[in-house]
Amino acid sequence: MVSLTQLALFAVASTLLIFTPGPDIIYVMTRGVAQGRKAGLAAAAGFALGNFAHTFFAIVGLSALITSSATAFACVRYAGAAYLMYIGYKMLRSKASIVAEGAAGELACREIFRQSILANIMNPKVALFFLAFFPQFVERSRGGVPMQMLVLGSTFVMLTMLGFGLVALLSGEIGRWLNRSAGAGNRIGQVAGCILMALGLRLAWPEA
């Protein structure tokens, strides 16, 4: 098992990384502002739980296979980018503006939750992150490397859920404030769609 010292160091490093601006946290903020706190929390939960898949991939070596093959990495990257742009396009085309708090229905939140899991899984940069970051905190001398990876992955999921959940709540409050501003609520959904499409393009061409 992972030592308490290593686990504490991992938790501190993970927390700092979780709050580093990136496509995932921007996605959660966008959902929260445009569709309310429930939608933001659904997105946060989806991105957090999607990390279990990457933990599994890292344990069985699939992440290493993807990141060692330029073709496989590019295919996953473009598929993830296309999916993110598709979500943004749907929001851009939607006639709905900012929603009032609590207006995001159960079905809508479930759809956002599923979309967020898939968007996380289809991001090869997350796979690369797991391969580069997690081994720094694995102690081979203690044995049970797969179990250590599972413990680290579960810890990262919990910290991500807490961190992104806070972002979702705050962005939901921002959305409520904007909804009271004349004219702002009518455009925020379209702006949110453009942001998600831009994130998809950034994922496809990171060097741009």
N, C-alpha and C. Protein backbone atom coordinates (compact mmCIF):
# COMPACT_ATOMS: atom_id res chain seq x y z
N MET A 1 0.83 -1.20 0.00
CA MET A 1 0.00 0.00 0.00
C MET A 1 0.87 1.26 0.00
N VAL A 2 0.26 2.36 -0.39
CA VAL A 2 0.97 3.64 -0.42
C VAL A 2 1.19 4.12 1.00
N SER A 3 2.40 4.62 1.30
CA SER A 3 2.68 5.14 2.64
C SER A 3 1.91 6.44 2.85
N LEU A 4 1.65 6.77 4.11
CA LEU A 4 0.91 7.99 4.42
C LEU A 4 1.67 9.23 3.95
N THR A 5 3.00 9.17 4.03
CA THR A 5 3.80 10.31 3.58
C THR A 5 3.63 10.54 2.09
N GLN A 6 3.74 9.46 1.32
CA GLN A 6 3.58 9.57 -0.13
C GLN A 6 2.17 10.00 -0.49
N LEU A 7 1.20 9.49 0.25
CA LEU A 7 -0.20 9.84 -0.03
C LEU A 7 -0.45 11.32 0.25
N ALA A 8 0.15 11.83 1.33
CA ALA A 8 -0.02 13.25 1.66
C ALA A 8 0.63 14.13 0.59
N LEU A 9 1.83 13.76 0.15
CA LEU A 9 2.50 14.51 -0.91
C LEU A 9 1.69 14.47 -2.19
N PHE A 10 1.15 13.30 -2.50
CA PHE A 10 0.33 13.14 -3.70
C PHE A 10 -0.91 14.03 -3.62
N ALA A 11 -1.54 14.08 -2.46
CA ALA A 11 -2.76 14.88 -2.29
C ALA A 11 -2.47 16.37 -2.48
N VAL A 12 -1.36 16.84 -1.94
CA VAL A 12 -1.00 18.25 -2.08
C VAL A 12 -0.72 18.59 -3.55
N ALA A 13 0.10 17.74 -4.21
CA ALA A 13 0.45 17.98 -5.61
C ALA A 13 -0.79 17.90 -6.50
N SER A 14 -1.67 16.93 -6.23
CA SER A 14 -2.88 16.76 -7.03
C SER A 14 -3.80 17.97 -6.90
N THR A 15 -3.95 18.48 -5.67
CA THR A 15 -4.82 19.62 -5.44
C THR A 15 -4.35 20.84 -6.24
N LEU A 16 -3.05 21.06 -6.24
CA LEU A 16 -2.49 22.18 -7.01
C LEU A 16 -2.76 22.00 -8.50
N LEU A 17 -2.60 20.77 -8.99
CA LEU A 17 -2.82 20.50 -10.41
C LEU A 17 -4.29 20.59 -10.79
N ILE A 18 -5.16 20.15 -9.89
CA ILE A 18 -6.59 20.17 -10.17
C ILE A 18 -7.10 21.58 -10.43
N PHE A 19 -6.55 22.55 -9.67
CA PHE A 19 -7.00 23.93 -9.82
C PHE A 19 -6.20 24.72 -10.84
N THR A 20 -5.27 24.03 -11.53
CA THR A 20 -4.56 24.68 -12.62
C THR A 20 -5.51 24.83 -13.81
N PRO A 21 -5.65 26.02 -14.39
CA PRO A 21 -6.58 26.21 -15.51
C PRO A 21 -6.30 25.25 -16.66
N GLY A 22 -7.33 24.60 -17.14
CA GLY A 22 -7.22 23.65 -18.25
C GLY A 22 -8.58 23.39 -18.84
N PRO A 23 -8.65 22.60 -19.92
CA PRO A 23 -9.94 22.35 -20.59
C PRO A 23 -11.00 21.75 -19.67
N ASP A 24 -10.60 20.87 -18.76
CA ASP A 24 -11.59 20.20 -17.91
C ASP A 24 -12.26 21.17 -16.94
N ILE A 25 -11.46 21.98 -16.26
CA ILE A 25 -12.05 22.91 -15.29
C ILE A 25 -12.83 24.02 -16.00
N ILE A 26 -12.37 24.42 -17.18
CA ILE A 26 -13.11 25.42 -17.97
C ILE A 26 -14.46 24.85 -18.41
N TYR A 27 -14.46 23.56 -18.77
CA TYR A 27 -15.70 22.89 -19.16
C TYR A 27 -16.70 22.92 -18.02
N VAL A 28 -16.24 22.59 -16.81
CA VAL A 28 -17.12 22.59 -15.64
C VAL A 28 -17.65 23.99 -15.37
N MET A 29 -16.78 24.98 -15.44
CA MET A 29 -17.21 26.37 -15.24
C MET A 29 -18.24 26.79 -16.27
N THR A 30 -18.01 26.39 -17.53
CA THR A 30 -18.93 26.75 -18.60
C THR A 30 -20.31 26.16 -18.38
N ARG A 31 -20.34 24.89 -17.99
CA ARG A 31 -21.63 24.24 -17.70
C ARG A 31 -22.33 24.92 -16.53
N GLY A 32 -21.57 25.24 -15.48
CA GLY A 32 -22.16 25.85 -14.30
C GLY A 32 -22.75 27.22 -14.60
N VAL A 33 -22.00 28.05 -15.33
CA VAL A 33 -22.47 29.39 -15.66
C VAL A 33 -23.68 29.33 -16.59
N ALA A 34 -23.61 28.47 -17.61
CA ALA A 34 -24.65 28.45 -18.63
C ALA A 34 -25.90 27.70 -18.21
N GLN A 35 -25.73 26.66 -17.36
CA GLN A 35 -26.87 25.78 -17.08
C GLN A 35 -27.17 25.58 -15.60
N GLY A 36 -26.46 26.25 -14.74
CA GLY A 36 -26.78 26.18 -13.32
C GLY A 36 -25.89 25.24 -12.53
N ARG A 37 -26.05 25.29 -11.21
CA ARG A 37 -25.18 24.52 -10.31
C ARG A 37 -25.31 23.01 -10.51
N LYS A 38 -26.54 22.54 -10.73
CA LYS A 38 -26.74 21.10 -10.90
C LYS A 38 -25.99 20.59 -12.13
N ALA A 39 -26.05 21.34 -13.21
CA ALA A 39 -25.35 20.95 -14.43
C ALA A 39 -23.84 20.97 -14.20
N GLY A 40 -23.36 22.00 -13.49
CA GLY A 40 -21.94 22.08 -13.18
C GLY A 40 -21.48 20.91 -12.33
N LEU A 41 -22.29 20.54 -11.34
CA LEU A 41 -21.94 19.41 -10.48
C LEU A 41 -21.97 18.09 -11.25
N ALA A 42 -22.91 17.98 -12.20
CA ALA A 42 -22.96 16.77 -13.03
C ALA A 42 -21.69 16.66 -13.87
N ALA A 43 -21.25 17.79 -14.43
CA ALA A 43 -20.01 17.81 -15.22
C ALA A 43 -18.81 17.48 -14.34
N ALA A 44 -18.78 18.04 -13.12
CA ALA A 44 -17.68 17.78 -12.19
C ALA A 44 -17.61 16.30 -11.84
N ALA A 45 -18.76 15.69 -11.56
CA ALA A 45 -18.79 14.27 -11.23
C ALA A 45 -18.35 13.42 -12.40
N GLY A 46 -18.77 13.79 -13.61
CA GLY A 46 -18.38 13.03 -14.80
C GLY A 46 -16.88 13.08 -15.04
N PHE A 47 -16.29 14.27 -14.94
CA PHE A 47 -14.85 14.38 -15.14
C PHE A 47 -14.08 13.66 -14.04
N ALA A 48 -14.58 13.73 -12.81
CA ALA A 48 -13.89 13.07 -11.71
C ALA A 48 -13.92 11.54 -11.88
N LEU A 49 -15.10 10.99 -12.13
CA LEU A 49 -15.24 9.53 -12.24
C LEU A 49 -14.58 9.00 -13.50
N GLY A 50 -14.47 9.84 -14.54
CA GLY A 50 -13.78 9.40 -15.75
C GLY A 50 -12.32 9.04 -15.48
N ASN A 51 -11.77 9.59 -14.40
CA ASN A 51 -10.38 9.29 -14.05
C ASN A 51 -10.20 7.85 -13.58
N PHE A 52 -11.28 7.20 -13.15
CA PHE A 52 -11.17 5.78 -12.81
C PHE A 52 -10.79 4.97 -14.05
N ALA A 53 -11.35 5.36 -15.20
CA ALA A 53 -11.02 4.67 -16.45
C ALA A 53 -9.54 4.83 -16.76
N HIS A 54 -9.02 6.05 -16.59
CA HIS A 54 -7.60 6.28 -16.87
C HIS A 54 -6.71 5.53 -15.88
N THR A 55 -7.18 5.41 -14.64
CA THR A 55 -6.43 4.61 -13.66
C THR A 55 -6.35 3.17 -14.12
N PHE A 56 -7.49 2.65 -14.58
CA PHE A 56 -7.51 1.27 -15.07
C PHE A 56 -6.61 1.11 -16.29
N PHE A 57 -6.69 2.07 -17.22
CA PHE A 57 -5.87 2.01 -18.42
C PHE A 57 -4.38 2.00 -18.07
N ALA A 58 -4.01 2.83 -17.09
CA ALA A 58 -2.61 2.91 -16.70
C ALA A 58 -2.15 1.59 -16.06
N ILE A 59 -3.03 0.98 -15.26
CA ILE A 59 -2.68 -0.27 -14.58
C ILE A 59 -2.45 -1.39 -15.59
N VAL A 60 -3.31 -1.50 -16.58
CA VAL A 60 -3.20 -2.61 -17.54
C VAL A 60 -2.29 -2.28 -18.72
N GLY A 61 -1.81 -1.02 -18.77
CA GLY A 61 -0.84 -0.67 -19.81
C GLY A 61 -1.42 -0.07 -21.06
N LEU A 62 -2.74 0.16 -21.09
CA LEU A 62 -3.33 0.73 -22.31
C LEU A 62 -2.86 2.16 -22.54
N SER A 63 -2.70 2.91 -21.47
CA SER A 63 -2.25 4.29 -21.60
C SER A 63 -0.85 4.33 -22.21
N ALA A 64 0.00 3.39 -21.77
CA ALA A 64 1.36 3.34 -22.32
C ALA A 64 1.32 3.03 -23.81
N LEU A 65 0.41 2.13 -24.21
CA LEU A 65 0.28 1.78 -25.61
C LEU A 65 -0.14 2.99 -26.45
N ILE A 66 -1.13 3.75 -25.94
CA ILE A 66 -1.62 4.91 -26.67
C ILE A 66 -0.55 5.98 -26.81
N THR A 67 0.14 6.25 -25.70
CA THR A 67 1.12 7.33 -25.72
C THR A 67 2.41 6.95 -26.43
N SER A 68 2.66 5.65 -26.62
CA SER A 68 3.86 5.23 -27.32
C SER A 68 3.65 5.16 -28.84
N SER A 69 2.40 5.18 -29.26
CA SER A 69 2.06 5.13 -30.68
C SER A 69 1.53 6.49 -31.12
N ALA A 70 2.25 7.16 -32.00
CA ALA A 70 1.83 8.48 -32.46
C ALA A 70 0.48 8.40 -33.16
N THR A 71 0.26 7.32 -33.92
CA THR A 71 -1.01 7.18 -34.64
C THR A 71 -2.17 7.00 -33.69
N ALA A 72 -2.00 6.11 -32.71
CA ALA A 72 -3.07 5.86 -31.74
C ALA A 72 -3.36 7.11 -30.93
N PHE A 73 -2.30 7.81 -30.53
CA PHE A 73 -2.47 9.03 -29.75
C PHE A 73 -3.24 10.07 -30.55
N ALA A 74 -2.88 10.23 -31.82
CA ALA A 74 -3.53 11.23 -32.67
C ALA A 74 -5.00 10.88 -32.89
N CYS A 75 -5.29 9.59 -33.10
CA CYS A 75 -6.68 9.16 -33.32
C CYS A 75 -7.55 9.48 -32.11
N VAL A 76 -7.04 9.14 -30.91
CA VAL A 76 -7.81 9.41 -29.69
C VAL A 76 -7.96 10.91 -29.48
N ARG A 77 -6.88 11.67 -29.76
CA ARG A 77 -6.93 13.11 -29.57
C ARG A 77 -7.97 13.76 -30.49
N TYR A 78 -7.97 13.38 -31.77
CA TYR A 78 -8.91 13.99 -32.70
C TYR A 78 -10.35 13.57 -32.40
N ALA A 79 -10.52 12.33 -31.96
CA ALA A 79 -11.87 11.87 -31.61
C ALA A 79 -12.38 12.66 -30.40
N GLY A 80 -11.53 12.86 -29.41
CA GLY A 80 -11.92 13.63 -28.24
C GLY A 80 -12.22 15.07 -28.59
N ALA A 81 -11.40 15.67 -29.45
CA ALA A 81 -11.61 17.05 -29.88
C ALA A 81 -12.93 17.19 -30.63
N ALA A 82 -13.20 16.23 -31.52
CA ALA A 82 -14.44 16.28 -32.30
C ALA A 82 -15.66 16.16 -31.39
N TYR A 83 -15.56 15.31 -30.37
CA TYR A 83 -16.68 15.14 -29.45
C TYR A 83 -16.93 16.42 -28.65
N LEU A 84 -15.86 17.06 -28.20
CA LEU A 84 -15.99 18.29 -27.43
C LEU A 84 -16.60 19.40 -28.30
N MET A 85 -16.17 19.47 -29.56
CA MET A 85 -16.73 20.48 -30.47
C MET A 85 -18.19 20.18 -30.77
N TYR A 86 -18.55 18.90 -30.83
CA TYR A 86 -19.95 18.51 -31.04
C TYR A 86 -20.83 18.99 -29.88
N ILE A 87 -20.34 18.82 -28.65
CA ILE A 87 -21.09 19.29 -27.49
C ILE A 87 -21.25 20.81 -27.55
N GLY A 88 -20.15 21.50 -27.90
CA GLY A 88 -20.21 22.95 -28.02
C GLY A 88 -21.17 23.40 -29.09
N TYR A 89 -21.18 22.68 -30.21
CA TYR A 89 -22.08 23.01 -31.32
C TYR A 89 -23.54 22.87 -30.88
N LYS A 90 -23.84 21.82 -30.11
CA LYS A 90 -25.20 21.63 -29.63
C LYS A 90 -25.63 22.78 -28.72
N MET A 91 -24.69 23.23 -27.86
CA MET A 91 -25.02 24.35 -26.99
C MET A 91 -25.17 25.64 -27.79
N LEU A 92 -24.32 25.80 -28.80
CA LEU A 92 -24.37 27.00 -29.64
C LEU A 92 -25.68 27.10 -30.39
N ARG A 93 -26.19 25.96 -30.86
CA ARG A 93 -27.42 25.93 -31.63
C ARG A 93 -28.66 25.99 -30.76
N SER A 94 -28.48 25.70 -29.46
CA SER A 94 -29.62 25.69 -28.56
C SER A 94 -30.18 27.09 -28.39
N LYS A 95 -31.50 27.20 -28.33
CA LYS A 95 -32.15 28.49 -28.14
C LYS A 95 -32.27 28.85 -26.67
N ALA A 96 -31.87 27.90 -25.81
CA ALA A 96 -31.99 28.17 -24.39
C ALA A 96 -30.89 29.11 -23.93
N SER A 97 -31.23 29.98 -23.05
CA SER A 97 -30.24 30.89 -22.47
C SER A 97 -29.84 30.35 -21.11
N ILE A 98 -29.28 31.20 -20.28
CA ILE A 98 -28.96 30.79 -18.92
C ILE A 98 -30.22 30.28 -18.25
N VAL A 99 -30.08 29.21 -17.47
CA VAL A 99 -31.24 28.67 -16.79
C VAL A 99 -31.23 29.13 -15.35
N ALA A 100 -32.40 29.22 -14.77
CA ALA A 100 -32.48 29.57 -13.36
C ALA A 100 -32.00 28.40 -12.52
N GLU A 101 -31.60 28.69 -11.28
CA GLU A 101 -31.11 27.64 -10.41
C GLU A 101 -32.17 26.57 -10.24
N GLY A 102 -31.75 25.32 -10.39
CA GLY A 102 -32.64 24.19 -10.23
C GLY A 102 -33.40 23.83 -11.49
N ALA A 103 -33.20 24.59 -12.56
CA ALA A 103 -33.97 24.35 -13.78
C ALA A 103 -33.43 23.19 -14.60
N ALA A 104 -32.16 22.83 -14.38
CA ALA A 104 -31.58 21.72 -15.12
C ALA A 104 -32.23 20.43 -14.64
N GLY A 105 -32.98 19.78 -15.51
CA GLY A 105 -33.71 18.59 -15.12
C GLY A 105 -32.82 17.38 -14.92
N GLU A 106 -33.41 16.34 -14.34
CA GLU A 106 -32.65 15.12 -14.04
C GLU A 106 -32.10 14.49 -15.31
N LEU A 107 -32.91 14.47 -16.38
CA LEU A 107 -32.45 13.88 -17.63
C LEU A 107 -31.30 14.68 -18.22
N ALA A 108 -31.40 16.01 -18.17
CA ALA A 108 -30.34 16.86 -18.70
C ALA A 108 -29.04 16.65 -17.92
N CYS A 109 -29.14 16.54 -16.61
CA CYS A 109 -27.95 16.34 -15.78
C CYS A 109 -27.32 14.97 -16.05
N ARG A 110 -28.15 13.98 -16.27
CA ARG A 110 -27.60 12.65 -16.59
C ARG A 110 -26.86 12.68 -17.91
N GLU A 111 -27.40 13.43 -18.88
CA GLU A 111 -26.74 13.55 -20.18
C GLU A 111 -25.41 14.28 -20.04
N ILE A 112 -25.39 15.35 -19.26
CA ILE A 112 -24.15 16.09 -19.02
C ILE A 112 -23.13 15.21 -18.32
N PHE A 113 -23.58 14.41 -17.37
CA PHE A 113 -22.72 13.49 -16.64
C PHE A 113 -22.07 12.49 -17.60
N ARG A 114 -22.87 11.90 -18.49
CA ARG A 114 -22.33 10.94 -19.46
C ARG A 114 -21.37 11.61 -20.43
N GLN A 115 -21.75 12.80 -20.91
CA GLN A 115 -20.88 13.52 -21.84
C GLN A 115 -19.53 13.85 -21.20
N SER A 116 -19.55 14.21 -19.94
CA SER A 116 -18.32 14.59 -19.24
C SER A 116 -17.40 13.40 -19.03
N ILE A 117 -17.97 12.25 -18.70
CA ILE A 117 -17.16 11.04 -18.56
C ILE A 117 -16.49 10.72 -19.88
N LEU A 118 -17.27 10.75 -20.95
CA LEU A 118 -16.73 10.41 -22.27
C LEU A 118 -15.68 11.42 -22.71
N ALA A 119 -15.93 12.70 -22.46
CA ALA A 119 -14.96 13.74 -22.83
C ALA A 119 -13.65 13.53 -22.09
N ASN A 120 -13.71 13.11 -20.84
CA ASN A 120 -12.50 12.86 -20.06
C ASN A 120 -11.75 11.64 -20.60
N ILE A 121 -12.48 10.56 -20.85
CA ILE A 121 -11.85 9.32 -21.32
C ILE A 121 -11.19 9.53 -22.68
N MET A 122 -11.80 10.37 -23.53
CA MET A 122 -11.29 10.56 -24.89
C MET A 122 -10.19 11.62 -24.97
N ASN A 123 -9.71 12.09 -23.83
CA ASN A 123 -8.62 13.06 -23.83
C ASN A 123 -7.30 12.33 -23.56
N PRO A 124 -6.47 12.12 -24.58
CA PRO A 124 -5.22 11.36 -24.38
C PRO A 124 -4.23 12.07 -23.48
N LYS A 125 -4.39 13.38 -23.31
CA LYS A 125 -3.48 14.10 -22.43
C LYS A 125 -3.67 13.67 -20.98
N VAL A 126 -4.89 13.27 -20.63
CA VAL A 126 -5.13 12.77 -19.28
C VAL A 126 -4.42 11.44 -19.09
N ALA A 127 -4.46 10.59 -20.14
CA ALA A 127 -3.74 9.31 -20.08
C ALA A 127 -2.25 9.55 -19.90
N LEU A 128 -1.71 10.51 -20.63
CA LEU A 128 -0.30 10.83 -20.52
C LEU A 128 0.03 11.38 -19.14
N PHE A 129 -0.87 12.19 -18.59
CA PHE A 129 -0.68 12.74 -17.25
C PHE A 129 -0.61 11.62 -16.22
N PHE A 130 -1.51 10.65 -16.31
CA PHE A 130 -1.50 9.55 -15.35
C PHE A 130 -0.19 8.77 -15.41
N LEU A 131 0.30 8.54 -16.62
CA LEU A 131 1.55 7.79 -16.77
C LEU A 131 2.75 8.57 -16.25
N ALA A 132 2.73 9.88 -16.40
CA ALA A 132 3.87 10.70 -16.00
C ALA A 132 3.83 11.06 -14.52
N PHE A 133 2.63 11.29 -13.98
CA PHE A 133 2.49 11.82 -12.63
C PHE A 133 2.41 10.73 -11.56
N PHE A 134 1.56 9.74 -11.78
CA PHE A 134 1.32 8.74 -10.75
C PHE A 134 2.56 7.94 -10.34
N PRO A 135 3.38 7.49 -11.30
CA PRO A 135 4.55 6.68 -10.91
C PRO A 135 5.50 7.38 -9.95
N GLN A 136 5.46 8.72 -9.90
CA GLN A 136 6.34 9.45 -8.99
C GLN A 136 6.01 9.15 -7.53
N PHE A 137 4.81 8.65 -7.29
CA PHE A 137 4.37 8.41 -5.91
C PHE A 137 4.17 6.93 -5.62
N VAL A 138 4.57 6.09 -6.54
CA VAL A 138 4.50 4.64 -6.34
C VAL A 138 5.82 4.15 -5.78
N GLU A 139 5.76 3.40 -4.69
CA GLU A 139 6.96 2.86 -4.05
C GLU A 139 7.04 1.36 -4.38
N ARG A 140 7.91 1.03 -5.32
CA ARG A 140 8.03 -0.36 -5.75
C ARG A 140 8.47 -1.27 -4.61
N SER A 141 9.24 -0.72 -3.67
CA SER A 141 9.73 -1.54 -2.56
C SER A 141 8.61 -2.04 -1.66
N ARG A 142 7.47 -1.39 -1.71
CA ARG A 142 6.33 -1.80 -0.88
C ARG A 142 5.46 -2.83 -1.58
N GLY A 143 5.75 -3.10 -2.89
CA GLY A 143 5.00 -4.11 -3.62
C GLY A 143 3.59 -3.65 -3.96
N GLY A 144 2.86 -4.54 -4.64
CA GLY A 144 1.47 -4.23 -4.97
C GLY A 144 1.30 -2.96 -5.76
N VAL A 145 2.09 -2.81 -6.83
CA VAL A 145 2.03 -1.58 -7.63
C VAL A 145 0.62 -1.32 -8.18
N PRO A 146 -0.08 -2.32 -8.73
CA PRO A 146 -1.46 -2.05 -9.21
C PRO A 146 -2.37 -1.51 -8.10
N MET A 147 -2.24 -2.07 -6.89
CA MET A 147 -3.07 -1.59 -5.78
C MET A 147 -2.69 -0.17 -5.39
N GLN A 148 -1.40 0.15 -5.42
CA GLN A 148 -0.98 1.51 -5.14
C GLN A 148 -1.56 2.48 -6.17
N MET A 149 -1.53 2.08 -7.44
CA MET A 149 -2.10 2.92 -8.49
C MET A 149 -3.60 3.13 -8.27
N LEU A 150 -4.27 2.07 -7.83
CA LEU A 150 -5.71 2.17 -7.58
C LEU A 150 -6.00 3.14 -6.43
N VAL A 151 -5.18 3.07 -5.37
CA VAL A 151 -5.35 3.98 -4.24
C VAL A 151 -5.11 5.43 -4.67
N LEU A 152 -4.05 5.63 -5.45
CA LEU A 152 -3.76 6.98 -5.94
C LEU A 152 -4.87 7.48 -6.86
N GLY A 153 -5.34 6.59 -7.74
CA GLY A 153 -6.42 6.98 -8.65
C GLY A 153 -7.69 7.35 -7.90
N SER A 154 -8.05 6.56 -6.88
CA SER A 154 -9.25 6.83 -6.08
C SER A 154 -9.11 8.15 -5.32
N THR A 155 -7.91 8.40 -4.82
CA THR A 155 -7.65 9.67 -4.12
C THR A 155 -7.79 10.85 -5.08
N PHE A 156 -7.25 10.67 -6.28
CA PHE A 156 -7.33 11.74 -7.28
C PHE A 156 -8.78 12.00 -7.68
N VAL A 157 -9.56 10.95 -7.82
CA VAL A 157 -10.98 11.10 -8.16
C VAL A 157 -11.70 11.90 -7.07
N MET A 158 -11.45 11.55 -5.81
CA MET A 158 -12.10 12.23 -4.70
C MET A 158 -11.71 13.71 -4.65
N LEU A 159 -10.42 13.99 -4.82
CA LEU A 159 -9.96 15.38 -4.80
C LEU A 159 -10.51 16.17 -5.98
N THR A 160 -10.59 15.52 -7.14
CA THR A 160 -11.14 16.19 -8.32
C THR A 160 -12.62 16.52 -8.12
N MET A 161 -13.35 15.57 -7.53
CA MET A 161 -14.77 15.81 -7.28
C MET A 161 -14.97 16.98 -6.33
N LEU A 162 -14.16 17.05 -5.29
CA LEU A 162 -14.27 18.14 -4.32
C LEU A 162 -13.89 19.48 -4.97
N GLY A 163 -12.76 19.48 -5.70
CA GLY A 163 -12.29 20.71 -6.33
C GLY A 163 -13.22 21.21 -7.41
N PHE A 164 -13.58 20.31 -8.32
CA PHE A 164 -14.47 20.70 -9.41
C PHE A 164 -15.87 21.00 -8.89
N GLY A 165 -16.28 20.31 -7.81
CA GLY A 165 -17.58 20.60 -7.22
C GLY A 165 -17.65 22.03 -6.71
N LEU A 166 -16.57 22.48 -6.09
CA LEU A 166 -16.50 23.86 -5.62
C LEU A 166 -16.58 24.84 -6.78
N VAL A 167 -15.85 24.52 -7.86
CA VAL A 167 -15.89 25.37 -9.06
C VAL A 167 -17.31 25.41 -9.63
N ALA A 168 -17.99 24.26 -9.64
CA ALA A 168 -19.35 24.20 -10.17
C ALA A 168 -20.30 25.07 -9.36
N LEU A 169 -20.18 25.02 -8.04
CA LEU A 169 -21.05 25.82 -7.18
C LEU A 169 -20.82 27.31 -7.40
N LEU A 170 -19.55 27.70 -7.46
CA LEU A 170 -19.22 29.11 -7.66
C LEU A 170 -19.67 29.61 -9.04
N SER A 171 -19.43 28.79 -10.06
CA SER A 171 -19.83 29.20 -11.41
C SER A 171 -21.35 29.25 -11.54
N GLY A 172 -22.05 28.38 -10.81
CA GLY A 172 -23.50 28.43 -10.80
C GLY A 172 -24.01 29.74 -10.23
N GLU A 173 -23.34 30.23 -9.18
CA GLU A 173 -23.71 31.52 -8.60
C GLU A 173 -23.45 32.65 -9.57
N ILE A 174 -22.34 32.56 -10.31
CA ILE A 174 -22.05 33.57 -11.33
C ILE A 174 -23.14 33.57 -12.39
N GLY A 175 -23.58 32.36 -12.78
CA GLY A 175 -24.65 32.25 -13.76
C GLY A 175 -25.94 32.89 -13.28
N ARG A 176 -26.26 32.70 -12.01
CA ARG A 176 -27.47 33.31 -11.45
C ARG A 176 -27.38 34.83 -11.49
N TRP A 177 -26.19 35.35 -11.19
CA TRP A 177 -25.99 36.80 -11.22
C TRP A 177 -26.14 37.34 -12.64
N LEU A 178 -25.53 36.62 -13.59
CA LEU A 178 -25.63 37.06 -14.99
C LEU A 178 -27.06 36.98 -15.49
N ASN A 179 -27.80 36.03 -14.99
CA ASN A 179 -29.18 35.85 -15.44
C ASN A 179 -30.06 37.04 -15.05
N ARG A 180 -29.63 37.77 -14.02
CA ARG A 180 -30.39 38.95 -13.60
C ARG A 180 -30.03 40.17 -14.44
N SER A 181 -28.91 40.08 -15.15
CA SER A 181 -28.44 41.21 -15.95
C SER A 181 -29.15 41.22 -17.30
N ALA A 182 -29.74 42.31 -17.64
CA ALA A 182 -30.50 42.41 -18.88
C ALA A 182 -29.63 42.10 -20.09
N GLY A 183 -30.07 41.17 -20.91
CA GLY A 183 -29.36 40.85 -22.15
C GLY A 183 -28.30 39.78 -22.00
N ALA A 184 -27.69 39.65 -20.79
CA ALA A 184 -26.60 38.70 -20.63
C ALA A 184 -27.09 37.27 -20.74
N GLY A 185 -28.24 36.99 -20.13
CA GLY A 185 -28.76 35.63 -20.14
C GLY A 185 -29.11 35.13 -21.52
N ASN A 186 -29.40 36.04 -22.44
CA ASN A 186 -29.78 35.63 -23.79
C ASN A 186 -28.60 35.18 -24.64
N ARG A 187 -27.38 35.54 -24.22
CA ARG A 187 -26.20 35.23 -25.03
C ARG A 187 -25.27 34.20 -24.40
N ILE A 188 -25.44 33.92 -23.10
CA ILE A 188 -24.44 33.11 -22.40
C ILE A 188 -24.39 31.68 -22.93
N GLY A 189 -25.52 31.13 -23.35
CA GLY A 189 -25.52 29.77 -23.89
C GLY A 189 -24.69 29.68 -25.16
N GLN A 190 -24.82 30.68 -26.02
CA GLN A 190 -24.06 30.71 -27.26
C GLN A 190 -22.57 30.91 -26.98
N VAL A 191 -22.26 31.77 -26.01
CA VAL A 191 -20.86 31.99 -25.63
C VAL A 191 -20.26 30.69 -25.08
N ALA A 192 -21.04 29.99 -24.25
CA ALA A 192 -20.58 28.73 -23.69
C ALA A 192 -20.29 27.71 -24.79
N GLY A 193 -21.16 27.65 -25.79
CA GLY A 193 -20.94 26.74 -26.91
C GLY A 193 -19.65 27.06 -27.65
N CYS A 194 -19.41 28.36 -27.87
CA CYS A 194 -18.18 28.78 -28.56
C CYS A 194 -16.94 28.40 -27.76
N ILE A 195 -17.02 28.53 -26.42
CA ILE A 195 -15.88 28.18 -25.57
C ILE A 195 -15.57 26.69 -25.69
N LEU A 196 -16.60 25.85 -25.65
CA LEU A 196 -16.38 24.41 -25.75
C LEU A 196 -15.83 24.02 -27.12
N MET A 197 -16.31 24.67 -28.18
CA MET A 197 -15.78 24.39 -29.51
C MET A 197 -14.31 24.82 -29.60
N ALA A 198 -13.98 25.94 -28.98
CA ALA A 198 -12.60 26.41 -28.97
C ALA A 198 -11.70 25.45 -28.19
N LEU A 199 -12.22 24.88 -27.10
CA LEU A 199 -11.45 23.90 -26.34
C LEU A 199 -11.19 22.65 -27.18
N GLY A 200 -12.20 22.26 -27.97
CA GLY A 200 -12.02 21.11 -28.85
C GLY A 200 -10.93 21.37 -29.88
N LEU A 201 -10.93 22.56 -30.46
CA LEU A 201 -9.90 22.92 -31.43
C LEU A 201 -8.53 22.95 -30.77
N ARG A 202 -8.47 23.43 -29.55
CA ARG A 202 -7.20 23.49 -28.83
C ARG A 202 -6.67 22.08 -28.55
N LEU A 203 -7.58 21.16 -28.24
CA LEU A 203 -7.18 19.78 -28.00
C LEU A 203 -6.65 19.14 -29.28
N ALA A 204 -7.28 19.47 -30.40
CA ALA A 204 -6.86 18.88 -31.68
C ALA A 204 -5.52 19.44 -32.15
N TRP A 205 -5.32 20.74 -31.91
CA TRP A 205 -4.05 21.38 -32.35
C TRP A 205 -3.42 22.09 -31.17
N PRO A 206 -2.82 21.35 -30.22
CA PRO A 206 -2.24 21.95 -29.01
C PRO A 206 -1.09 22.88 -29.29
N GLU A 207 -0.44 22.70 -30.46
CA GLU A 207 0.72 23.53 -30.77
C GLU A 207 0.33 24.87 -31.37
N ALA A 208 -0.98 25.04 -31.67
CA ALA A 208 -1.44 26.29 -32.30
C ALA A 208 -1.37 27.45 -31.31
